């Protein structure tokens, strides 16, 4: 069972949930995904939106490989080079997640990712019944 909670004593978050409680199920950890296609080529050089879409498509593929989908995601770890791109990220993310019960999430601006040219990386934790 998964419960998404926003305690009334905390501010109402925009696009994420403060607390996700999970009881039972398989826990799936998905490594940070960048804008690489199946052939290992960068998608969307210099285009944050294109990279975000590829990242979420990679996450979707990873989830499907274990019989899951975005409804099973309980936590995102988001790493961006520029937090000014977060509104674009939210627009893309909202095309994939249940916006009524979005996963818990942490977004961090970083100085660099594993190779030049990548603008974001997202890791996920899912719980599959």
C-alpha atoms as a PDB file:
ATOM      1  CA  UNK A   1       0.000   0.000   0.000  1.00  0.00           C
ATOM      2  CA  UNK A   2       1.192   3.520  -0.801  1.00  0.00           C
ATOM      3  CA  UNK A   3      -0.062   6.670   0.914  1.00  0.00           C
ATOM      4  CA  UNK A   4       0.784  10.175  -0.302  1.00  0.00           C
ATOM      5  CA  UNK A   5       0.639  12.698   2.558  1.00  0.00           C
ATOM      6  CA  UNK A   6       1.039  16.450   2.908  1.00  0.00           C
ATOM      7  CA  UNK A   7       0.739  17.217   6.635  1.00  0.00           C
ATOM      8  CA  UNK A   8      -1.410  20.272   7.325  1.00  0.00           C
ATOM      9  CA  UNK A   9       1.375  21.711   9.496  1.00  0.00           C
ATOM     10  CA  UNK A  10       3.605  22.000   6.382  1.00  0.00           C
ATOM     11  CA  UNK A  11       3.225  24.196   3.305  1.00  0.00           C
ATOM     12  CA  UNK A  12       1.325  22.740   0.362  1.00  0.00           C
ATOM     13  CA  UNK A  13       3.934  21.602  -2.175  1.00  0.00           C
ATOM     14  CA  UNK A  14       3.689  22.268  -5.894  1.00  0.00           C
ATOM     15  CA  UNK A  15       4.311  19.195  -8.005  1.00  0.00           C
ATOM     16  CA  UNK A  16       5.531  16.811  -5.322  1.00  0.00           C
ATOM     17  CA  UNK A  17       4.408  15.172  -2.077  1.00  0.00           C
ATOM     18  CA  UNK A  18       6.125  15.740   1.271  1.00  0.00           C
ATOM     19  CA  UNK A  19       5.640  12.199   2.605  1.00  0.00           C
ATOM     20  CA  UNK A  20       5.097   8.902   0.810  1.00  0.00           C
ATOM     21  CA  UNK A  21       4.469   5.920   3.067  1.00  0.00           C
ATOM     22  CA  UNK A  22       4.871   2.443   1.598  1.00  0.00           C
ATOM     23  CA  UNK A  23       3.962  -0.878   3.146  1.00  0.00           C
ATOM     24  CA  UNK A  24       4.629  -4.075   1.202  1.00  0.00           C
ATOM     25  CA  UNK A  25       5.739  -4.553  -2.382  1.00  0.00           C
ATOM     26  CA  UNK A  26       9.039  -4.756  -4.259  1.00  0.00           C
ATOM     27  CA  UNK A  27      11.314  -1.730  -4.092  1.00  0.00           C
ATOM     28  CA  UNK A  28      12.891  -0.786  -7.422  1.00  0.00           C
ATOM     29  CA  UNK A  29      15.804   1.659  -7.643  1.00  0.00           C
ATOM     30  CA  UNK A  30      16.416   3.237 -11.040  1.00  0.00           C
ATOM     31  CA  UNK A  31      19.821   4.764 -11.687  1.00  0.00           C
ATOM     32  CA  UNK A  32      20.063   8.372 -12.744  1.00  0.00           C
ATOM     33  CA  UNK A  33      18.902   8.753 -16.324  1.00  0.00           C
ATOM     34  CA  UNK A  34      20.219  11.320 -18.782  1.00  0.00           C
ATOM     35  CA  UNK A  35      19.177  12.148 -22.349  1.00  0.00           C
ATOM     36  CA  UNK A  36      20.708   9.081 -23.993  1.00  0.00           C
ATOM     37  CA  UNK A  37      18.793   7.167 -26.641  1.00  0.00           C
ATOM     38  CA  UNK A  38      18.928   3.373 -27.029  1.00  0.00           C
ATOM     39  CA  UNK A  39      22.041   3.679 -29.224  1.00  0.00           C
ATOM     40  CA  UNK A  40      23.888   5.705 -26.578  1.00  0.00           C
ATOM     41  CA  UNK A  41      23.579   9.032 -28.404  1.00  0.00           C
ATOM     42  CA  UNK A  42      22.743  12.292 -26.660  1.00  0.00           C
ATOM     43  CA  UNK A  43      19.258  13.600 -27.447  1.00  0.00           C
ATOM     44  CA  UNK A  44      18.551  17.338 -27.509  1.00  0.00           C
ATOM     45  CA  UNK A  45      21.970  18.935 -27.249  1.00  0.00           C
ATOM     46  CA  UNK A  46      21.361  22.356 -25.691  1.00  0.00           C
ATOM     47  CA  UNK A  47      17.580  21.775 -25.522  1.00  0.00           C
ATOM     48  CA  UNK A  48      16.393  21.262 -21.937  1.00  0.00           C
ATOM     49  CA  UNK A  49      12.841  20.242 -22.896  1.00  0.00           C
ATOM     50  CA  UNK A  50      14.044  17.624 -25.403  1.00  0.00           C
ATOM     51  CA  UNK A  51      16.459  16.226 -22.830  1.00  0.00           C
ATOM     52  CA  UNK A  52      13.745  16.121 -20.156  1.00  0.00           C
ATOM     53  CA  UNK A  53      11.417  14.184 -22.468  1.00  0.00           C
ATOM     54  CA  UNK A  54      14.183  11.659 -23.242  1.00  0.00           C
ATOM     55  CA  UNK A  55      14.962  11.263 -19.542  1.00  0.00           C
ATOM     56  CA  UNK A  56      11.313  10.512 -18.751  1.00  0.00           C
ATOM     57  CA  UNK A  57      11.093   8.126 -21.692  1.00  0.00           C
ATOM     58  CA  UNK A  58      14.157   6.305 -20.304  1.00  0.00           C
ATOM     59  CA  UNK A  59      12.539   6.173 -16.870  1.00  0.00           C
ATOM     60  CA  UNK A  60       9.351   4.825 -18.479  1.00  0.00           C
ATOM     61  CA  UNK A  61      11.332   2.072 -20.214  1.00  0.00           C
ATOM     62  CA  UNK A  62      13.134   1.195 -16.981  1.00  0.00           C
ATOM     63  CA  UNK A  63       9.837   1.003 -15.091  1.00  0.00           C
ATOM     64  CA  UNK A  64       8.236  -1.151 -17.788  1.00  0.00           C
ATOM     65  CA  UNK A  65      11.171  -3.577 -17.573  1.00  0.00           C
ATOM     66  CA  UNK A  66       9.986  -4.544 -14.067  1.00  0.00           C
ATOM     67  CA  UNK A  67       6.263  -4.438 -14.794  1.00  0.00           C
ATOM     68  CA  UNK A  68       5.790  -0.953 -13.387  1.00  0.00           C
ATOM     69  CA  UNK A  69       4.744   2.501 -14.536  1.00  0.00           C
ATOM     70  CA  UNK A  70       4.943   6.029 -13.148  1.00  0.00           C
ATOM     71  CA  UNK A  71       2.097   5.346 -10.723  1.00  0.00           C
ATOM     72  CA  UNK A  72       4.561   3.137  -8.823  1.00  0.00           C
ATOM     73  CA  UNK A  73       7.215   5.869  -8.441  1.00  0.00           C
ATOM     74  CA  UNK A  74       7.444   7.140  -4.859  1.00  0.00           C
ATOM     75  CA  UNK A  75      10.584   9.322  -5.109  1.00  0.00           C
ATOM     76  CA  UNK A  76      12.550  11.279  -7.705  1.00  0.00           C
ATOM     77  CA  UNK A  77      16.051  12.636  -7.242  1.00  0.00           C
ATOM     78  CA  UNK A  78      16.503  15.442  -9.774  1.00  0.00           C
ATOM     79  CA  UNK A  79      19.841  17.010 -10.683  1.00  0.00           C
ATOM     80  CA  UNK A  80      19.919  20.035 -12.996  1.00  0.00           C
ATOM     81  CA  UNK A  81      22.624  22.393 -14.153  1.00  0.00           C
ATOM     82  CA  UNK A  82      20.253  25.369 -13.898  1.00  0.00           C
ATOM     83  CA  UNK A  83      17.247  25.551 -11.557  1.00  0.00           C
ATOM     84  CA  UNK A  84      15.717  28.150 -13.870  1.00  0.00           C
ATOM     85  CA  UNK A  85      14.725  25.161 -16.045  1.00  0.00           C
ATOM     86  CA  UNK A  86      12.518  23.661 -13.319  1.00  0.00           C
ATOM     87  CA  UNK A  87       9.272  25.086 -14.794  1.00  0.00           C
ATOM     88  CA  UNK A  88      10.026  23.222 -18.051  1.00  0.00           C
ATOM     89  CA  UNK A  89      10.866  20.096 -16.092  1.00  0.00           C
ATOM     90  CA  UNK A  90       7.544  20.322 -14.230  1.00  0.00           C
ATOM     91  CA  UNK A  91       5.638  20.618 -17.525  1.00  0.00           C
ATOM     92  CA  UNK A  92       7.329  17.501 -18.899  1.00  0.00           C
ATOM     93  CA  UNK A  93       7.103  15.553 -15.633  1.00  0.00           C
ATOM     94  CA  UNK A  94       3.375  16.270 -15.367  1.00  0.00           C
ATOM     95  CA  UNK A  95       2.832  14.455 -18.680  1.00  0.00           C
ATOM     96  CA  UNK A  96       4.086  11.257 -17.007  1.00  0.00           C
ATOM     97  CA  UNK A  97       3.148  11.281 -13.309  1.00  0.00           C
ATOM     98  CA  UNK A  98      -0.167  11.323 -11.492  1.00  0.00           C
ATOM     99  CA  UNK A  99      -0.380  15.017 -10.635  1.00  0.00           C
ATOM    100  CA  UNK A 100      -3.009  14.326  -7.950  1.00  0.00           C
ATOM    101  CA  UNK A 101      -0.463  12.191  -6.035  1.00  0.00           C
ATOM    102  CA  UNK A 102       2.983  13.108  -7.341  1.00  0.00           C
ATOM    103  CA  UNK A 103       6.070  11.333  -5.966  1.00  0.00           C
ATOM    104  CA  UNK A 104       8.218  12.808  -3.238  1.00  0.00           C
ATOM    105  CA  UNK A 105      10.985  14.747  -4.946  1.00  0.00           C
ATOM    106  CA  UNK A 106      14.277  16.494  -4.376  1.00  0.00           C
ATOM    107  CA  UNK A 107      15.751  18.887  -6.956  1.00  0.00           C
ATOM    108  CA  UNK A 108      19.358  20.006  -6.731  1.00  0.00           C
ATOM    109  CA  UNK A 109      21.378  22.349  -8.915  1.00  0.00           C
ATOM    110  CA  UNK A 110      24.785  20.836  -9.637  1.00  0.00           C
ATOM    111  CA  UNK A 111      27.959  22.206 -11.230  1.00  0.00           C
ATOM    112  CA  UNK A 112      28.276  19.357 -13.732  1.00  0.00           C
ATOM    113  CA  UNK A 113      26.944  15.954 -14.691  1.00  0.00           C
ATOM    114  CA  UNK A 114      28.932  12.918 -15.822  1.00  0.00           C
ATOM    115  CA  UNK A 115      29.718  14.372 -19.277  1.00  0.00           C
ATOM    116  CA  UNK A 116      29.472  17.842 -20.811  1.00  0.00           C
ATOM    117  CA  UNK A 117      26.256  18.630 -22.679  1.00  0.00           C
ATOM    118  CA  UNK A 118      23.823  16.908 -20.349  1.00  0.00           C
ATOM    119  CA  UNK A 119      21.478  19.348 -18.646  1.00  0.00           C
ATOM    120  CA  UNK A 120      19.693  17.076 -16.171  1.00  0.00           C
ATOM    121  CA  UNK A 121      19.710  13.645 -14.587  1.00  0.00           C
ATOM    122  CA  UNK A 122      16.859  11.964 -12.733  1.00  0.00           C
ATOM    123  CA  UNK A 123      16.877   8.866 -10.525  1.00  0.00           C
ATOM    124  CA  UNK A 124      13.746   7.156  -9.238  1.00  0.00           C
ATOM    125  CA  UNK A 125      12.508   4.783  -6.564  1.00  0.00           C
ATOM    126  CA  UNK A 126       9.376   2.770  -7.273  1.00  0.00           C
ATOM    127  CA  UNK A 127       7.353   0.283  -5.232  1.00  0.00           C
ATOM    128  CA  UNK A 128       5.658  -2.475  -7.206  1.00  0.00           C
ATOM    129  CA  UNK A 129       2.970  -4.616  -5.528  1.00  0.00           C
END
